[in-house]
Amino acid sequence: MAILCEINLDREPDHSFVPGEAVSGVIKYKLSENLTFKKITVSLMGEDLLTVDGTCQNSSSDISNENYVKINNLILEDEKGVTFAAGTYEIPFSMTLPYNIPKSFDYKNNKDGYCINYKIFYYIRVKFVRPGLMRHSQSFKKSINVSSGIVPTLPRVPVTYESKRKIEKLFSRGENSVALKVTVDNSVVETGGRVQIKCDVKNDTAFNIKQIKVKLVEELKIKATDISEDVYDDLYSISLNPSLKSRGDTDVIKAVLDVPKDAFTLQNSVLVSRNYFIYVTAVLPAFYKNAVLKVPIEVGENNIDAVIARDTPPSYWDAMNLCHENPTWLD
């Protein structure tokens, strides 16, 4: 098909769109000869694609995908077809991103024998369909980046979590346990920021607890029904030496953990969730299960209350110039 096409956005090439923002621009296409079309559609699309390979080799994979945005603007529809003379044409467009959509995301990881590829992507598409039994069509796409903040579900004030690990020990009277109490200053942390914790430890055992480990863990959970693999990555860890030599000893430990710049909590994805936790572990002697406290945090920009009020985009009818009897882009 003799069509040359380019999709131009009103924003800078590196602009990141946010949910609720209008995506607008002009589609310019050139016909090198007379062509007849039965349908022309301009669409704003958002999709994701998940591939999980259980061998990390070239073998069959589990593949799933979902649509998050599917806005179709019908520019032309005529079963018999409309003939366009050779020449250059323009189609202005303006479509608004929904609010509850995930941000653009590209994840690859080889973990525990699995190759996991997950991508969330958005694009503008123009599709030209010609009449005839074969319904020959041609599409052109332009990718856009969507940057979405998070809707915090955790407290943004100091909050405390507690747990007690009871230890079974033969020929021992009284309680044998290790109590952990962790206070997080803010459970919602910006990407690339820091999270501060205070840990109170009480040793009600005869053991000498020599080490407390604190680590920041990323958890990727695959929610597809036919896949049940979770992937854990340690992002930051420190080891501390408490003073807990005998029964009744207590100690207060403070720690600051750096959050990587590429970390963020993934929300609104149907197939995958990505969350973050702080694990505080009191290391016990061999043959005893360690005392562990798992503390949730959320990572990302909280831009829900800071969506910039932008100029009101033109209506679809104005953008497409369809309020006139003869649209100018067909002249």
Protein backbone atom coordinates (compact mmCIF):
# COMPACT_ATOMS: atom_id res chain seq x y z
CA MET A 1 0.00 0.00 0.00
CA ALA A 2 1.48 3.33 -1.04
CA ILE A 3 1.16 5.18 2.27
CA LEU A 4 3.81 7.16 4.13
CA CYS A 5 2.72 8.16 7.62
CA GLU A 6 4.10 9.93 10.68
CA ILE A 7 2.43 10.56 14.05
CA ASN A 8 3.44 13.84 15.71
CA LEU A 9 2.62 14.61 19.34
CA ASP A 10 2.09 18.09 20.75
CA ARG A 11 4.51 17.26 23.58
CA GLU A 12 8.28 16.91 23.60
CA PRO A 13 9.60 13.49 22.49
CA ASP A 14 10.71 12.59 26.03
CA HIS A 15 7.47 13.75 27.68
CA SER A 16 5.90 11.38 30.19
CA PHE A 17 2.12 11.46 30.21
CA VAL A 18 0.16 11.01 33.42
CA PRO A 19 -3.25 9.40 33.93
CA GLY A 20 -6.01 11.84 33.09
CA GLU A 21 -3.84 13.79 30.64
CA ALA A 22 -4.85 14.40 27.03
CA VAL A 23 -2.65 12.85 24.35
CA SER A 24 -2.94 15.09 21.29
CA GLY A 25 -1.17 15.77 18.05
CA VAL A 26 -1.43 15.47 14.28
CA ILE A 27 -1.15 12.44 12.01
CA LYS A 28 0.33 13.30 8.63
CA TYR A 29 0.14 10.80 5.80
CA LYS A 30 1.02 10.89 2.13
CA LEU A 31 -0.52 8.82 -0.70
CA SER A 32 1.66 8.24 -3.73
CA GLU A 33 -1.38 7.18 -5.75
CA ASN A 34 -5.17 7.24 -5.58
CA LEU A 35 -6.38 4.86 -2.87
CA THR A 36 -9.79 3.78 -1.62
CA PHE A 37 -10.44 3.25 2.11
CA LYS A 38 -13.48 1.81 3.86
CA LYS A 39 -12.29 2.70 7.35
CA ILE A 40 -9.74 4.94 9.03
CA THR A 41 -9.35 4.69 12.80
CA VAL A 42 -7.13 6.57 15.25
CA SER A 43 -6.67 4.76 18.57
CA LEU A 44 -5.04 5.27 21.96
CA MET A 45 -3.93 1.87 23.23
CA GLY A 46 -2.43 0.53 26.45
CA GLU A 47 -1.51 -3.13 26.83
CA ASP A 48 0.71 -5.46 28.79
CA LEU A 49 2.41 -8.70 27.88
CA LEU A 50 3.66 -11.38 30.25
CA THR A 51 5.92 -14.25 29.22
CA VAL A 52 7.21 -16.86 31.66
CA ASP A 53 9.61 -19.52 30.45
CA GLY A 54 10.31 -22.35 32.86
CA THR A 55 13.61 -23.42 31.35
CA CYS A 56 15.41 -20.17 30.46
CA GLN A 57 15.88 -21.70 27.02
CA ASN A 58 14.10 -21.50 23.70
CA SER A 59 11.04 -23.50 24.59
CA SER A 60 7.31 -22.94 24.86
CA SER A 61 6.22 -20.19 27.25
CA ASP A 62 3.11 -19.15 29.12
CA ILE A 63 1.86 -15.92 27.55
CA SER A 64 -0.86 -13.63 28.85
CA ASN A 65 -1.91 -10.09 28.02
CA GLU A 66 -4.49 -7.50 29.05
CA ASN A 67 -5.78 -4.21 27.66
CA TYR A 68 -5.76 -1.12 29.92
CA VAL A 69 -6.66 1.51 27.35
CA LYS A 70 -8.57 1.03 24.14
CA ILE A 71 -9.99 4.27 22.78
CA ASN A 72 -10.97 4.14 19.12
CA ASN A 73 -11.88 7.28 17.18
CA LEU A 74 -13.54 6.41 13.90
CA ILE A 75 -12.46 8.92 11.26
CA LEU A 76 -13.99 7.27 8.22
CA GLU A 77 -16.35 4.33 7.72
CA ASP A 78 -17.94 3.46 4.39
CA GLU A 79 -18.47 -0.13 3.27
CA LYS A 80 -18.24 0.87 -0.40
CA GLY A 81 -15.13 2.91 0.25
CA VAL A 82 -14.04 6.50 -0.28
CA THR A 83 -11.34 7.26 -2.83
CA PHE A 84 -8.55 9.65 -1.84
CA ALA A 85 -6.47 11.37 -4.50
CA ALA A 86 -2.70 11.15 -4.33
CA GLY A 87 -1.43 13.82 -1.96
CA THR A 88 -0.78 14.75 1.66
CA TYR A 89 -3.41 14.71 4.45
CA GLU A 90 -3.57 15.54 8.15
CA ILE A 91 -5.70 14.15 10.99
CA PRO A 92 -5.64 16.05 14.31
CA PHE A 93 -6.37 13.89 17.36
CA SER A 94 -6.92 14.29 21.08
CA MET A 95 -7.67 11.44 23.48
CA THR A 96 -7.52 11.32 27.27
CA LEU A 97 -5.78 8.66 29.31
CA PRO A 98 -7.92 6.98 32.00
CA TYR A 99 -6.97 7.51 35.64
CA ASN A 100 -6.64 3.97 36.98
CA ILE A 101 -3.88 2.69 34.73
CA PRO A 102 -0.38 1.40 35.57
CA LYS A 103 2.74 3.21 34.47
CA SER A 104 4.89 2.10 31.54
CA PHE A 105 6.90 -0.87 32.74
CA ASP A 106 9.59 -3.12 31.29
CA TYR A 107 10.75 -5.98 33.52
CA LYS A 108 13.15 -8.83 32.76
CA ASN A 109 14.52 -11.30 35.25
CA ASN A 110 16.04 -14.76 35.34
CA LYS A 111 15.24 -16.25 38.72
CA ASP A 112 15.02 -19.77 40.14
CA GLY A 113 15.05 -21.35 36.69
CA TYR A 114 12.43 -18.99 35.24
CA CYS A 115 12.84 -16.34 32.57
CA ILE A 116 10.23 -13.67 33.23
CA ASN A 117 9.45 -10.87 30.80
CA TYR A 118 6.71 -8.37 31.57
CA LYS A 119 5.96 -5.15 29.73
CA ILE A 120 3.28 -2.46 30.00
CA PHE A 121 3.25 -0.18 26.97
CA TYR A 122 1.13 2.59 25.44
CA TYR A 123 0.90 3.89 21.89
CA ILE A 124 -1.06 5.87 19.32
CA ARG A 125 -2.18 3.85 16.29
CA VAL A 126 -3.71 4.88 12.98
CA LYS A 127 -5.22 2.11 10.90
CA PHE A 128 -6.20 2.27 7.23
CA VAL A 129 -8.57 -0.45 5.95
CA ARG A 130 -9.28 -0.96 2.25
CA PRO A 131 -12.46 -2.54 0.85
CA GLY A 132 -12.48 -6.00 -0.66
CA LEU A 133 -12.67 -9.61 0.41
CA MET A 134 -9.14 -9.63 1.75
CA ARG A 135 -9.79 -6.52 3.88
CA HIS A 136 -6.23 -5.43 3.42
CA SER A 137 -5.16 -2.97 6.11
CA GLN A 138 -2.07 -1.08 7.21
CA SER A 139 -1.29 0.33 10.66
CA PHE A 140 1.22 2.85 11.97
CA LYS A 141 2.14 3.25 15.66
CA LYS A 142 3.94 5.70 17.93
CA SER A 143 4.88 4.75 21.48
CA ILE A 144 4.26 7.06 24.42
CA ASN A 145 5.53 6.85 27.98
CA VAL A 146 3.09 6.94 30.90
CA SER A 147 4.36 7.86 34.36
CA SER A 148 1.88 7.03 37.09
CA GLY A 149 2.22 7.68 40.78
CA ILE A 150 0.80 5.45 43.49
CA VAL A 151 -2.32 5.64 45.60
CA PRO A 152 -0.93 5.10 49.12
CA THR A 153 -2.64 2.39 51.12
CA LEU A 154 -0.17 2.45 54.02
CA PRO A 155 0.17 5.10 56.75
CA ARG A 156 2.30 8.16 56.02
CA VAL A 157 2.96 8.63 59.74
CA PRO A 158 5.09 6.47 62.07
CA VAL A 159 3.61 3.01 62.53
CA THR A 160 4.76 0.07 64.66
CA TYR A 161 4.72 -3.67 63.88
CA GLU A 162 5.33 -6.41 66.44
CA SER A 163 5.96 -10.15 66.48
CA LYS A 164 7.15 -12.76 68.97
CA ARG A 165 9.04 -15.93 68.07
CA LYS A 166 8.46 -18.68 70.62
CA ILE A 167 11.20 -21.26 70.86
CA GLU A 168 10.64 -24.82 71.99
CA LYS A 169 13.49 -26.02 74.16
CA LEU A 170 13.67 -29.26 76.14
CA PHE A 171 14.21 -29.13 79.89
CA SER A 172 13.55 -25.42 79.99
CA ARG A 173 11.11 -23.73 82.31
CA GLY A 174 9.42 -20.47 81.56
CA GLU A 175 8.97 -18.72 78.27
CA ASN A 176 11.60 -18.86 75.56
CA SER A 177 10.98 -16.19 72.95
CA VAL A 178 12.42 -13.33 70.95
CA ALA A 179 10.22 -10.23 70.60
CA LEU A 180 10.66 -7.79 67.75
CA LYS A 181 9.02 -4.39 67.54
CA VAL A 182 9.75 -2.25 64.46
CA THR A 183 8.67 1.36 63.97
CA VAL A 184 8.76 2.81 60.44
CA ASP A 185 8.85 6.61 60.20
CA ASN A 186 6.97 6.67 56.87
CA SER A 187 5.64 3.62 55.05
CA VAL A 188 5.35 5.52 51.74
CA VAL A 189 8.79 6.29 50.32
CA GLU A 190 9.72 8.13 47.14
CA THR A 191 11.71 6.31 44.49
CA GLY A 192 15.40 6.77 45.24
CA GLY A 193 14.62 7.92 48.78
CA ARG A 194 15.34 6.46 52.19
CA VAL A 195 13.33 4.60 54.80
CA GLN A 196 14.21 4.80 58.48
CA ILE A 197 13.31 2.20 61.07
CA LYS A 198 13.76 1.69 64.79
CA CYS A 199 13.82 -1.88 66.09
CA ASP A 200 13.27 -2.87 69.73
CA VAL A 201 14.51 -6.39 70.47
CA LYS A 202 13.90 -8.36 73.64
CA ASN A 203 15.75 -11.59 74.28
CA ASP A 204 13.80 -13.98 76.54
CA THR A 205 16.02 -16.97 75.80
CA ALA A 206 19.26 -18.39 77.13
CA PHE A 207 20.91 -17.72 73.76
CA ASN A 208 23.35 -14.99 72.90
CA ILE A 209 21.74 -13.19 69.94
CA LYS A 210 24.78 -11.89 68.09
CA GLN A 211 23.25 -10.56 64.88
CA ILE A 212 20.23 -8.64 63.58
CA LYS A 213 19.80 -8.53 59.82
CA VAL A 214 17.77 -5.83 58.10
CA LYS A 215 17.03 -5.98 54.39
CA LEU A 216 14.81 -4.36 51.78
CA VAL A 217 13.16 -6.95 49.53
CA GLU A 218 11.30 -6.57 46.23
CA GLU A 219 8.50 -9.06 45.66
CA LEU A 220 7.13 -9.68 42.17
CA LYS A 221 3.94 -11.71 42.28
CA ILE A 222 2.51 -13.18 39.10
CA LYS A 223 -1.27 -13.16 39.33
CA ALA A 224 -2.05 -15.05 36.12
CA THR A 225 -4.18 -18.08 36.95
CA ASP A 226 -1.91 -20.64 35.28
CA ILE A 227 1.32 -19.30 36.80
CA SER A 228 2.11 -19.30 40.50
CA GLU A 229 5.69 -18.08 40.76
CA ASP A 230 6.83 -15.27 43.06
CA VAL A 231 10.22 -13.63 42.59
CA TYR A 232 12.13 -12.09 45.50
CA ASP A 233 15.16 -9.82 45.13
CA ASP A 234 17.23 -8.41 47.99
CA LEU A 235 17.82 -4.74 47.21
CA TYR A 236 19.61 -3.54 50.33
CA SER A 237 20.83 -5.32 53.45
CA ILE A 238 22.78 -4.53 56.58
CA SER A 239 23.94 -6.59 59.57
CA LEU A 240 23.92 -5.18 63.08
CA ASN A 241 25.45 -6.46 66.30
CA PRO A 242 23.09 -6.08 69.25
CA SER A 243 23.82 -6.45 72.93
CA LEU A 244 21.55 -9.41 73.75
CA LYS A 245 23.73 -11.89 75.59
CA SER A 246 21.33 -13.26 78.20
CA ARG A 247 17.69 -13.65 79.14
CA GLY A 248 15.90 -10.36 79.67
CA ASP A 249 18.32 -8.25 77.65
CA THR A 250 16.84 -5.58 75.39
CA ASP A 251 18.36 -3.38 72.73
CA VAL A 252 17.20 -0.61 70.39
CA ILE A 253 18.59 -0.65 66.86
CA LYS A 254 18.17 2.07 64.25
CA ALA A 255 18.74 1.61 60.53
CA VAL A 256 18.43 3.63 57.33
CA LEU A 257 17.85 1.80 54.03
CA ASP A 258 18.41 3.32 50.60
CA VAL A 259 15.67 2.66 48.03
CA PRO A 260 16.95 2.13 44.46
CA LYS A 261 16.03 4.76 41.87
CA ASP A 262 14.32 2.20 39.65
CA ALA A 263 12.12 0.77 42.42
CA PHE A 264 8.41 1.53 42.53
CA THR A 265 5.28 -0.24 43.69
CA LEU A 266 3.30 -1.43 40.68
CA GLN A 267 -0.44 -0.83 41.01
CA ASN A 268 -3.42 -1.40 38.70
CA SER A 269 -1.80 -4.27 36.83
CA VAL A 270 -4.03 -7.28 36.25
CA LEU A 271 -1.25 -9.80 35.67
CA VAL A 272 1.55 -8.73 38.02
CA SER A 273 2.07 -6.93 41.33
CA ARG A 274 5.37 -5.57 42.60
CA ASN A 275 5.66 -4.72 46.29
CA TYR A 276 8.36 -3.97 48.85
CA PHE A 277 9.02 -5.21 52.37
CA ILE A 278 11.56 -4.71 55.12
CA TYR A 279 12.63 -7.95 56.78
CA VAL A 280 14.11 -7.71 60.29
CA THR A 281 15.69 -10.99 61.38
CA ALA A 282 17.12 -11.97 64.76
CA VAL A 283 19.64 -14.68 63.93
CA LEU A 284 19.38 -17.61 66.35
CA PRO A 285 21.83 -20.49 66.83
CA ALA A 286 21.88 -23.37 64.39
CA PHE A 287 18.90 -25.77 64.42
CA TYR A 288 16.56 -22.98 65.58
CA LYS A 289 14.29 -21.02 63.30
CA ASN A 290 15.18 -17.32 63.20
CA ALA A 291 12.78 -14.67 64.48
CA VAL A 292 11.57 -12.62 61.49
CA LEU A 293 9.32 -9.58 61.23
CA LYS A 294 8.06 -8.54 57.77
CA VAL A 295 7.15 -4.85 57.38
CA PRO A 296 5.40 -3.53 54.23
CA ILE A 297 6.30 -0.25 52.54
CA GLU A 298 5.18 1.40 49.31
CA VAL A 299 7.59 3.03 46.86
CA GLY A 300 6.71 5.70 44.32
CA GLU A 301 5.63 9.27 43.73
CA ASN A 302 2.37 10.22 45.38
CA ASN A 303 1.00 12.42 42.58
CA ILE A 304 -2.68 11.65 43.06
CA ASP A 305 -3.27 14.98 44.80
CA ALA A 306 -0.82 16.85 42.58
CA VAL A 307 -2.15 16.26 39.08
CA ILE A 308 -1.38 19.45 37.19
CA ALA A 309 -4.44 21.24 35.84
CA ARG A 310 -3.79 21.51 32.13
CA ASP A 311 -5.46 23.53 29.44
CA THR A 312 -8.76 21.96 28.51
CA PRO A 313 -8.15 19.89 25.37
CA PRO A 314 -10.37 20.47 22.35
CA SER A 315 -13.43 18.28 22.06
CA TYR A 316 -13.23 15.26 19.82
CA TRP A 317 -15.55 16.90 17.31
CA ASP A 318 -13.48 20.08 17.21
CA ALA A 319 -10.18 18.18 17.04
CA MET A 320 -11.43 16.12 14.11
CA ASN A 321 -13.13 19.13 12.54
CA LEU A 322 -16.28 17.05 12.25
CA CYS A 323 -18.60 19.89 13.13
CA HIS A 324 -18.31 20.97 9.49
CA GLU A 325 -20.16 19.30 6.66
CA ASN A 326 -16.92 18.77 4.70
CA PRO A 327 -13.94 18.11 7.01
CA THR A 328 -10.91 20.14 5.93
CA TRP A 329 -8.47 17.26 6.25
CA LEU A 330 -10.12 15.69 3.20
CA ASP A 331 -9.59 18.81 1.03
